[in-house]
Amino acid sequence: MLTLDELAARFQTCTLPRAEWTHVAHLRVGAWHVHHFGADGALGRMRAGIRALNDSHGTANTDTGGYHETITVAYVRLLDGFLSACNPALSLEDRVRTLVDGPLADRAVLLRYWSKDLLMSPAARRAWVPPDLAPLAVPADALVSARGRSPA
């Protein structure tokens, strides 16, 4: 498996193969960006980077596929909350390992906050749409995993 630095570099240079641009890769790249640039800086870089990587893969960024603004914003916010809650003695690699082994890595986690119809709507893909089921917050079970792991 690529280190976070290697994965982020391949994302930024659009040299990450489409088959390797998985949900876990999205999370790892997002966490790396949040750690290095803060949530606001990460969001701008993730927006541009995902669109560029999709373009390099031949994936059109449309109302039905490719880049999704609400999902990107939601995950940047969740990643920021998760990383902030983590034991500061852990390395970034260890914090991200905890992340991808925990509840935030569940592909359906955003359905705790949005109905599927709203989340998958063209409006939510184009622009931020607030959750319709519950306020966006790092789930308690993810916070337990973030705080529960001690340095190796």
N, C-alpha and C. Protein backbone atom coordinates (compact mmCIF):
# COMPACT_ATOMS: atom_id res chain seq x y z
N MET A 1 0.84 -1.18 0.00
CA MET A 1 0.00 0.00 0.00
C MET A 1 0.89 1.24 0.00
N LEU A 2 0.46 2.25 -0.76
CA LEU A 2 1.20 3.50 -0.82
C LEU A 2 1.13 4.23 0.52
N THR A 3 2.20 4.93 0.86
CA THR A 3 2.14 5.80 2.04
C THR A 3 1.18 6.94 1.72
N LEU A 4 0.77 7.66 2.75
CA LEU A 4 -0.11 8.81 2.52
C LEU A 4 0.56 9.85 1.62
N ASP A 5 1.83 10.11 1.85
CA ASP A 5 2.54 11.09 1.02
C ASP A 5 2.58 10.65 -0.44
N GLU A 6 2.85 9.37 -0.67
CA GLU A 6 2.88 8.85 -2.05
C GLU A 6 1.51 8.93 -2.70
N LEU A 7 0.48 8.54 -1.95
CA LEU A 7 -0.87 8.58 -2.49
C LEU A 7 -1.28 10.02 -2.80
N ALA A 8 -1.01 10.94 -1.90
CA ALA A 8 -1.35 12.36 -2.13
C ALA A 8 -0.62 12.90 -3.35
N ALA A 9 0.64 12.54 -3.52
CA ALA A 9 1.41 13.02 -4.67
C ALA A 9 0.81 12.47 -5.97
N ARG A 10 0.44 11.22 -5.98
CA ARG A 10 -0.15 10.63 -7.20
C ARG A 10 -1.52 11.24 -7.48
N PHE A 11 -2.28 11.58 -6.44
CA PHE A 11 -3.55 12.27 -6.61
C PHE A 11 -3.30 13.64 -7.23
N GLN A 12 -2.38 14.39 -6.66
CA GLN A 12 -2.12 15.76 -7.09
C GLN A 12 -1.59 15.84 -8.52
N THR A 13 -0.86 14.83 -8.95
CA THR A 13 -0.29 14.83 -10.30
C THR A 13 -1.14 14.04 -11.29
N CYS A 14 -2.30 13.59 -10.82
CA CYS A 14 -3.24 12.81 -11.66
C CYS A 14 -2.58 11.57 -12.26
N THR A 15 -1.72 10.93 -11.47
CA THR A 15 -1.06 9.69 -11.91
C THR A 15 -1.58 8.48 -11.14
N LEU A 16 -2.64 8.67 -10.38
CA LEU A 16 -3.26 7.57 -9.65
C LEU A 16 -4.22 6.86 -10.59
N PRO A 17 -3.99 5.57 -10.86
CA PRO A 17 -4.88 4.85 -11.78
C PRO A 17 -6.32 4.81 -11.26
N ARG A 18 -7.26 4.79 -12.18
CA ARG A 18 -8.67 4.77 -11.82
C ARG A 18 -9.01 3.63 -10.87
N ALA A 19 -8.43 2.46 -11.08
CA ALA A 19 -8.72 1.30 -10.23
C ALA A 19 -8.26 1.52 -8.79
N GLU A 20 -7.31 2.42 -8.58
CA GLU A 20 -6.80 2.69 -7.24
C GLU A 20 -7.51 3.88 -6.58
N TRP A 21 -8.43 4.53 -7.29
CA TRP A 21 -9.16 5.67 -6.75
C TRP A 21 -10.44 5.15 -6.10
N THR A 22 -10.24 4.46 -5.00
CA THR A 22 -11.32 3.80 -4.27
C THR A 22 -11.88 4.71 -3.18
N HIS A 23 -12.91 4.26 -2.50
CA HIS A 23 -13.47 5.01 -1.37
C HIS A 23 -12.39 5.21 -0.29
N VAL A 24 -11.65 4.18 0.02
CA VAL A 24 -10.59 4.30 1.03
C VAL A 24 -9.52 5.28 0.55
N ALA A 25 -9.18 5.26 -0.71
CA ALA A 25 -8.20 6.23 -1.24
C ALA A 25 -8.73 7.66 -1.10
N HIS A 26 -10.02 7.86 -1.39
CA HIS A 26 -10.62 9.18 -1.19
C HIS A 26 -10.43 9.63 0.27
N LEU A 27 -10.73 8.74 1.21
CA LEU A 27 -10.61 9.07 2.63
C LEU A 27 -9.17 9.38 3.01
N ARG A 28 -8.25 8.56 2.55
CA ARG A 28 -6.85 8.76 2.89
C ARG A 28 -6.32 10.08 2.31
N VAL A 29 -6.65 10.35 1.06
CA VAL A 29 -6.22 11.60 0.42
C VAL A 29 -6.87 12.80 1.11
N GLY A 30 -8.16 12.68 1.42
CA GLY A 30 -8.84 13.76 2.12
C GLY A 30 -8.23 14.05 3.47
N ALA A 31 -7.94 12.99 4.23
CA ALA A 31 -7.33 13.17 5.55
C ALA A 31 -5.95 13.81 5.43
N TRP A 32 -5.17 13.39 4.46
CA TRP A 32 -3.85 13.99 4.24
C TRP A 32 -3.99 15.49 3.98
N HIS A 33 -4.93 15.85 3.12
CA HIS A 33 -5.13 17.26 2.80
C HIS A 33 -5.62 18.06 4.01
N VAL A 34 -6.57 17.51 4.78
CA VAL A 34 -7.06 18.20 5.97
C VAL A 34 -5.91 18.40 6.95
N HIS A 35 -5.10 17.38 7.15
CA HIS A 35 -3.96 17.48 8.08
C HIS A 35 -2.99 18.58 7.64
N HIS A 36 -2.69 18.64 6.36
CA HIS A 36 -1.67 19.57 5.87
C HIS A 36 -2.18 20.98 5.60
N PHE A 37 -3.47 21.13 5.27
CA PHE A 37 -3.97 22.44 4.84
C PHE A 37 -5.16 22.95 5.65
N GLY A 38 -5.62 22.19 6.64
CA GLY A 38 -6.83 22.56 7.35
C GLY A 38 -8.05 22.28 6.48
N ALA A 39 -9.23 22.33 7.08
CA ALA A 39 -10.45 21.97 6.35
C ALA A 39 -10.69 22.90 5.16
N ASP A 40 -10.56 24.20 5.34
CA ASP A 40 -10.84 25.13 4.24
C ASP A 40 -9.85 24.96 3.09
N GLY A 41 -8.56 24.88 3.42
CA GLY A 41 -7.56 24.69 2.37
C GLY A 41 -7.70 23.35 1.69
N ALA A 42 -8.04 22.33 2.47
CA ALA A 42 -8.23 20.99 1.90
C ALA A 42 -9.40 20.98 0.93
N LEU A 43 -10.47 21.65 1.30
CA LEU A 43 -11.66 21.61 0.46
C LEU A 43 -11.39 22.15 -0.94
N GLY A 44 -10.74 23.27 -1.04
CA GLY A 44 -10.41 23.82 -2.36
C GLY A 44 -9.52 22.88 -3.16
N ARG A 45 -8.54 22.31 -2.50
CA ARG A 45 -7.63 21.39 -3.19
C ARG A 45 -8.33 20.10 -3.59
N MET A 46 -9.21 19.61 -2.73
CA MET A 46 -9.94 18.37 -3.06
C MET A 46 -10.91 18.60 -4.21
N ARG A 47 -11.61 19.72 -4.20
CA ARG A 47 -12.52 20.03 -5.31
C ARG A 47 -11.77 19.98 -6.65
N ALA A 48 -10.69 20.73 -6.72
CA ALA A 48 -9.93 20.81 -7.96
C ALA A 48 -9.28 19.47 -8.30
N GLY A 49 -8.72 18.80 -7.29
CA GLY A 49 -8.01 17.55 -7.53
C GLY A 49 -8.92 16.43 -7.98
N ILE A 50 -10.09 16.29 -7.36
CA ILE A 50 -11.01 15.22 -7.77
C ILE A 50 -11.49 15.45 -9.20
N ARG A 51 -11.83 16.69 -9.50
CA ARG A 51 -12.28 16.99 -10.88
C ARG A 51 -11.17 16.68 -11.89
N ALA A 52 -9.95 17.09 -11.56
CA ALA A 52 -8.82 16.87 -12.48
C ALA A 52 -8.53 15.38 -12.62
N LEU A 53 -8.55 14.65 -11.51
CA LEU A 53 -8.29 13.21 -11.59
C LEU A 53 -9.40 12.52 -12.39
N ASN A 54 -10.64 12.91 -12.15
CA ASN A 54 -11.74 12.34 -12.95
C ASN A 54 -11.51 12.61 -14.43
N ASP A 55 -11.15 13.85 -14.77
CA ASP A 55 -10.88 14.18 -16.18
C ASP A 55 -9.78 13.30 -16.74
N SER A 56 -8.72 13.07 -15.96
CA SER A 56 -7.60 12.24 -16.44
C SER A 56 -8.02 10.79 -16.65
N HIS A 57 -9.06 10.36 -15.92
CA HIS A 57 -9.58 8.99 -16.07
C HIS A 57 -10.65 8.90 -17.15
N GLY A 58 -11.05 10.04 -17.70
CA GLY A 58 -12.13 10.04 -18.68
C GLY A 58 -13.51 9.98 -18.04
N THR A 59 -13.59 10.31 -16.75
CA THR A 59 -14.86 10.33 -16.03
C THR A 59 -15.42 11.74 -16.09
N ALA A 60 -16.56 11.89 -16.72
CA ALA A 60 -17.18 13.21 -16.85
C ALA A 60 -17.72 13.67 -15.50
N ASN A 61 -17.53 14.95 -15.20
CA ASN A 61 -18.09 15.56 -14.00
C ASN A 61 -19.41 16.21 -14.40
N THR A 62 -20.51 15.50 -14.15
CA THR A 62 -21.83 15.91 -14.61
C THR A 62 -22.83 15.88 -13.45
N ASP A 63 -24.09 16.13 -13.77
CA ASP A 63 -25.16 16.06 -12.77
C ASP A 63 -25.45 14.63 -12.31
N THR A 64 -24.89 13.66 -12.99
CA THR A 64 -25.15 12.26 -12.63
C THR A 64 -23.90 11.44 -12.35
N GLY A 65 -22.73 12.03 -12.50
CA GLY A 65 -21.51 11.26 -12.27
C GLY A 65 -20.31 12.17 -12.03
N GLY A 66 -19.24 11.57 -11.54
CA GLY A 66 -18.02 12.33 -11.29
C GLY A 66 -18.09 13.09 -9.98
N TYR A 67 -17.54 14.29 -9.97
CA TYR A 67 -17.42 15.09 -8.75
C TYR A 67 -18.78 15.34 -8.10
N HIS A 68 -18.79 15.28 -6.74
CA HIS A 68 -20.01 15.49 -5.96
C HIS A 68 -19.70 16.47 -4.83
N GLU A 69 -20.21 17.70 -4.94
CA GLU A 69 -19.89 18.76 -3.98
C GLU A 69 -20.34 18.43 -2.56
N THR A 70 -21.57 18.00 -2.36
CA THR A 70 -22.05 17.76 -1.00
C THR A 70 -21.26 16.65 -0.32
N ILE A 71 -20.97 15.59 -1.03
CA ILE A 71 -20.19 14.50 -0.45
C ILE A 71 -18.78 14.97 -0.10
N THR A 72 -18.18 15.75 -0.98
CA THR A 72 -16.82 16.24 -0.72
C THR A 72 -16.80 17.15 0.51
N VAL A 73 -17.71 18.09 0.58
CA VAL A 73 -17.76 19.00 1.74
C VAL A 73 -18.02 18.21 3.02
N ALA A 74 -18.98 17.29 2.96
CA ALA A 74 -19.32 16.51 4.15
C ALA A 74 -18.12 15.73 4.66
N TYR A 75 -17.43 15.04 3.78
CA TYR A 75 -16.29 14.25 4.22
C TYR A 75 -15.15 15.13 4.73
N VAL A 76 -14.89 16.27 4.11
CA VAL A 76 -13.84 17.15 4.62
C VAL A 76 -14.19 17.58 6.05
N ARG A 77 -15.44 17.92 6.29
CA ARG A 77 -15.86 18.31 7.64
C ARG A 77 -15.73 17.15 8.62
N LEU A 78 -16.17 15.96 8.20
CA LEU A 78 -16.06 14.79 9.08
C LEU A 78 -14.61 14.41 9.34
N LEU A 79 -13.79 14.47 8.31
CA LEU A 79 -12.36 14.16 8.48
C LEU A 79 -11.70 15.15 9.43
N ASP A 80 -12.04 16.41 9.30
CA ASP A 80 -11.49 17.43 10.19
C ASP A 80 -11.88 17.14 11.64
N GLY A 81 -13.14 16.82 11.87
CA GLY A 81 -13.59 16.50 13.22
C GLY A 81 -12.93 15.25 13.77
N PHE A 82 -12.80 14.24 12.93
CA PHE A 82 -12.18 12.99 13.35
C PHE A 82 -10.71 13.21 13.71
N LEU A 83 -9.96 13.86 12.82
CA LEU A 83 -8.53 14.07 13.07
C LEU A 83 -8.31 14.94 14.30
N SER A 84 -9.19 15.90 14.53
CA SER A 84 -9.08 16.75 15.72
C SER A 84 -9.32 15.96 17.00
N ALA A 85 -10.15 14.93 16.92
CA ALA A 85 -10.47 14.12 18.10
C ALA A 85 -9.43 13.04 18.39
N CYS A 86 -8.58 12.77 17.43
CA CYS A 86 -7.59 11.69 17.59
C CYS A 86 -6.53 12.05 18.63
N ASN A 87 -5.99 11.01 19.19
CA ASN A 87 -4.88 11.13 20.10
C ASN A 87 -3.74 11.84 19.37
N PRO A 88 -3.31 13.01 19.84
CA PRO A 88 -2.27 13.77 19.14
C PRO A 88 -0.91 13.08 19.13
N ALA A 89 -0.73 12.07 19.97
CA ALA A 89 0.54 11.34 19.98
C ALA A 89 0.65 10.38 18.79
N LEU A 90 -0.46 10.10 18.14
CA LEU A 90 -0.43 9.18 16.99
C LEU A 90 0.10 9.89 15.75
N SER A 91 0.82 9.16 14.94
CA SER A 91 1.26 9.69 13.65
C SER A 91 0.03 9.85 12.75
N LEU A 92 0.18 10.63 11.70
CA LEU A 92 -0.92 10.78 10.74
C LEU A 92 -1.27 9.42 10.14
N GLU A 93 -0.27 8.63 9.80
CA GLU A 93 -0.54 7.28 9.24
C GLU A 93 -1.40 6.46 10.21
N ASP A 94 -1.09 6.52 11.51
CA ASP A 94 -1.87 5.75 12.49
C ASP A 94 -3.28 6.31 12.64
N ARG A 95 -3.42 7.63 12.62
CA ARG A 95 -4.77 8.22 12.70
C ARG A 95 -5.61 7.82 11.50
N VAL A 96 -5.00 7.83 10.32
CA VAL A 96 -5.73 7.47 9.11
C VAL A 96 -6.04 5.97 9.10
N ARG A 97 -5.14 5.15 9.62
CA ARG A 97 -5.42 3.71 9.73
C ARG A 97 -6.64 3.49 10.63
N THR A 98 -6.72 4.23 11.74
CA THR A 98 -7.87 4.15 12.63
C THR A 98 -9.13 4.60 11.89
N LEU A 99 -9.02 5.65 11.11
CA LEU A 99 -10.14 6.15 10.32
C LEU A 99 -10.68 5.08 9.38
N VAL A 100 -9.80 4.49 8.59
CA VAL A 100 -10.27 3.54 7.57
C VAL A 100 -10.70 2.20 8.17
N ASP A 101 -10.31 1.95 9.41
CA ASP A 101 -10.79 0.74 10.11
C ASP A 101 -12.07 1.01 10.90
N GLY A 102 -12.55 2.24 10.89
CA GLY A 102 -13.68 2.62 11.73
C GLY A 102 -14.95 2.94 10.96
N PRO A 103 -15.94 3.45 11.68
CA PRO A 103 -17.26 3.69 11.11
C PRO A 103 -17.32 4.77 10.02
N LEU A 104 -16.39 5.70 10.01
CA LEU A 104 -16.42 6.72 8.95
C LEU A 104 -16.04 6.15 7.58
N ALA A 105 -15.46 4.99 7.56
CA ALA A 105 -15.13 4.35 6.29
C ALA A 105 -16.31 3.62 5.67
N ASP A 106 -17.40 3.51 6.41
CA ASP A 106 -18.61 2.88 5.87
C ASP A 106 -19.14 3.76 4.75
N ARG A 107 -19.26 3.20 3.56
CA ARG A 107 -19.72 3.97 2.40
C ARG A 107 -21.11 4.57 2.61
N ALA A 108 -21.89 4.03 3.53
CA ALA A 108 -23.25 4.52 3.78
C ALA A 108 -23.31 5.52 4.93
N VAL A 109 -22.18 5.94 5.49
CA VAL A 109 -22.20 6.80 6.68
C VAL A 109 -22.98 8.09 6.43
N LEU A 110 -22.92 8.65 5.24
CA LEU A 110 -23.61 9.92 4.99
C LEU A 110 -25.12 9.76 5.00
N LEU A 111 -25.60 8.52 4.88
CA LEU A 111 -27.05 8.29 4.93
C LEU A 111 -27.59 8.40 6.36
N ARG A 112 -26.70 8.61 7.33
CA ARG A 112 -27.14 8.96 8.68
C ARG A 112 -27.67 10.40 8.70
N TYR A 113 -27.24 11.20 7.75
CA TYR A 113 -27.52 12.63 7.72
C TYR A 113 -28.43 13.06 6.58
N TRP A 114 -28.30 12.40 5.44
CA TRP A 114 -29.09 12.73 4.25
C TRP A 114 -29.95 11.55 3.83
N SER A 115 -31.13 11.84 3.32
CA SER A 115 -31.90 10.81 2.63
C SER A 115 -31.16 10.51 1.32
N LYS A 116 -31.26 9.30 0.86
CA LYS A 116 -30.54 8.91 -0.35
C LYS A 116 -30.97 9.76 -1.54
N ASP A 117 -32.27 10.02 -1.66
CA ASP A 117 -32.75 10.81 -2.79
C ASP A 117 -32.13 12.21 -2.80
N LEU A 118 -32.07 12.85 -1.64
CA LEU A 118 -31.48 14.19 -1.60
C LEU A 118 -29.98 14.13 -1.86
N LEU A 119 -29.28 13.22 -1.21
CA LEU A 119 -27.83 13.14 -1.37
C LEU A 119 -27.43 12.85 -2.81
N MET A 120 -28.19 12.02 -3.49
CA MET A 120 -27.83 11.65 -4.86
C MET A 120 -28.46 12.56 -5.92
N SER A 121 -29.09 13.63 -5.48
CA SER A 121 -29.75 14.55 -6.43
C SER A 121 -28.72 15.38 -7.19
N PRO A 122 -29.09 15.83 -8.41
CA PRO A 122 -28.20 16.73 -9.14
C PRO A 122 -27.88 18.01 -8.36
N ALA A 123 -28.84 18.51 -7.59
CA ALA A 123 -28.59 19.73 -6.80
C ALA A 123 -27.46 19.50 -5.79
N ALA A 124 -27.47 18.35 -5.11
CA ALA A 124 -26.43 18.03 -4.12
C ALA A 124 -25.09 17.76 -4.79
N ARG A 125 -25.11 17.27 -5.99
CA ARG A 125 -23.87 17.03 -6.72
C ARG A 125 -23.23 18.37 -7.14
N ARG A 126 -24.06 19.33 -7.50
CA ARG A 126 -23.56 20.63 -7.99
C ARG A 126 -23.12 21.57 -6.89
N ALA A 127 -23.85 21.56 -5.75
CA ALA A 127 -23.60 22.54 -4.69
C ALA A 127 -23.90 21.91 -3.34
N TRP A 128 -23.37 22.54 -2.28
CA TRP A 128 -23.62 22.05 -0.93
C TRP A 128 -25.11 22.09 -0.64
N VAL A 129 -25.63 20.95 -0.17
CA VAL A 129 -27.01 20.85 0.28
C VAL A 129 -26.96 20.35 1.72
N PRO A 130 -27.53 21.12 2.66
CA PRO A 130 -27.49 20.68 4.07
C PRO A 130 -28.23 19.36 4.27
N PRO A 131 -27.84 18.62 5.29
CA PRO A 131 -28.49 17.34 5.58
C PRO A 131 -29.97 17.53 5.91
N ASP A 132 -30.78 16.53 5.56
CA ASP A 132 -32.21 16.60 5.85
C ASP A 132 -32.64 15.64 6.95
N LEU A 133 -31.73 14.81 7.46
CA LEU A 133 -32.10 13.84 8.50
C LEU A 133 -31.53 14.18 9.87
N ALA A 134 -30.31 14.66 9.91
CA ALA A 134 -29.65 14.96 11.18
C ALA A 134 -28.51 15.94 10.90
N PRO A 135 -28.14 16.76 11.88
CA PRO A 135 -26.99 17.66 11.69
C PRO A 135 -25.71 16.86 11.46
N LEU A 136 -24.87 17.37 10.58
CA LEU A 136 -23.61 16.69 10.27
C LEU A 136 -22.66 16.82 11.46
N ALA A 137 -22.24 15.70 11.99
CA ALA A 137 -21.29 15.65 13.10
C ALA A 137 -20.59 14.30 13.05
N VAL A 138 -19.37 14.26 13.53
CA VAL A 138 -18.66 12.98 13.58
C VAL A 138 -19.45 12.05 14.49
N PRO A 139 -19.82 10.86 14.00
CA PRO A 139 -20.59 9.94 14.84
C PRO A 139 -19.85 9.54 16.12
N ALA A 140 -20.60 9.36 17.17
CA ALA A 140 -20.01 9.01 18.47
C ALA A 140 -19.15 7.76 18.37
N ASP A 141 -19.58 6.77 17.58
CA ASP A 141 -18.78 5.54 17.47
C ASP A 141 -17.43 5.81 16.79
N ALA A 142 -17.38 6.79 15.90
CA ALA A 142 -16.09 7.15 15.28
C ALA A 142 -15.21 7.90 16.27
N LEU A 143 -15.81 8.71 17.12
CA LEU A 143 -15.04 9.43 18.12
C LEU A 143 -14.42 8.48 19.14
N VAL A 144 -15.15 7.43 19.49
CA VAL A 144 -14.61 6.43 20.41
C VAL A 144 -13.38 5.78 19.79
N SER A 145 -13.46 5.41 18.52
CA SER A 145 -12.30 4.78 17.87
C SER A 145 -11.15 5.78 17.73
N ALA A 146 -11.46 7.06 17.51
CA ALA A 146 -10.41 8.07 17.38
C ALA A 146 -9.65 8.27 18.69
N ARG A 147 -10.37 8.23 19.79
CA ARG A 147 -9.75 8.49 21.10
C ARG A 147 -9.20 7.25 21.76
N GLY A 148 -9.69 6.09 21.30
CA GLY A 148 -9.40 4.85 22.02
C GLY A 148 -8.07 4.22 21.71
N ARG A 149 -7.43 4.58 20.64
CA ARG A 149 -6.19 3.93 20.25
C ARG A 149 -5.00 4.68 20.82
N SER A 150 -4.10 3.98 21.45
CA SER A 150 -2.92 4.63 22.03
C SER A 150 -1.72 4.42 21.14
N PRO A 151 -0.68 5.22 21.30
CA PRO A 151 0.50 5.07 20.45
C PRO A 151 1.12 3.69 20.60
N ALA A 152 1.65 3.19 19.51
CA ALA A 152 2.27 1.85 19.52
C ALA A 152 3.59 1.86 20.22
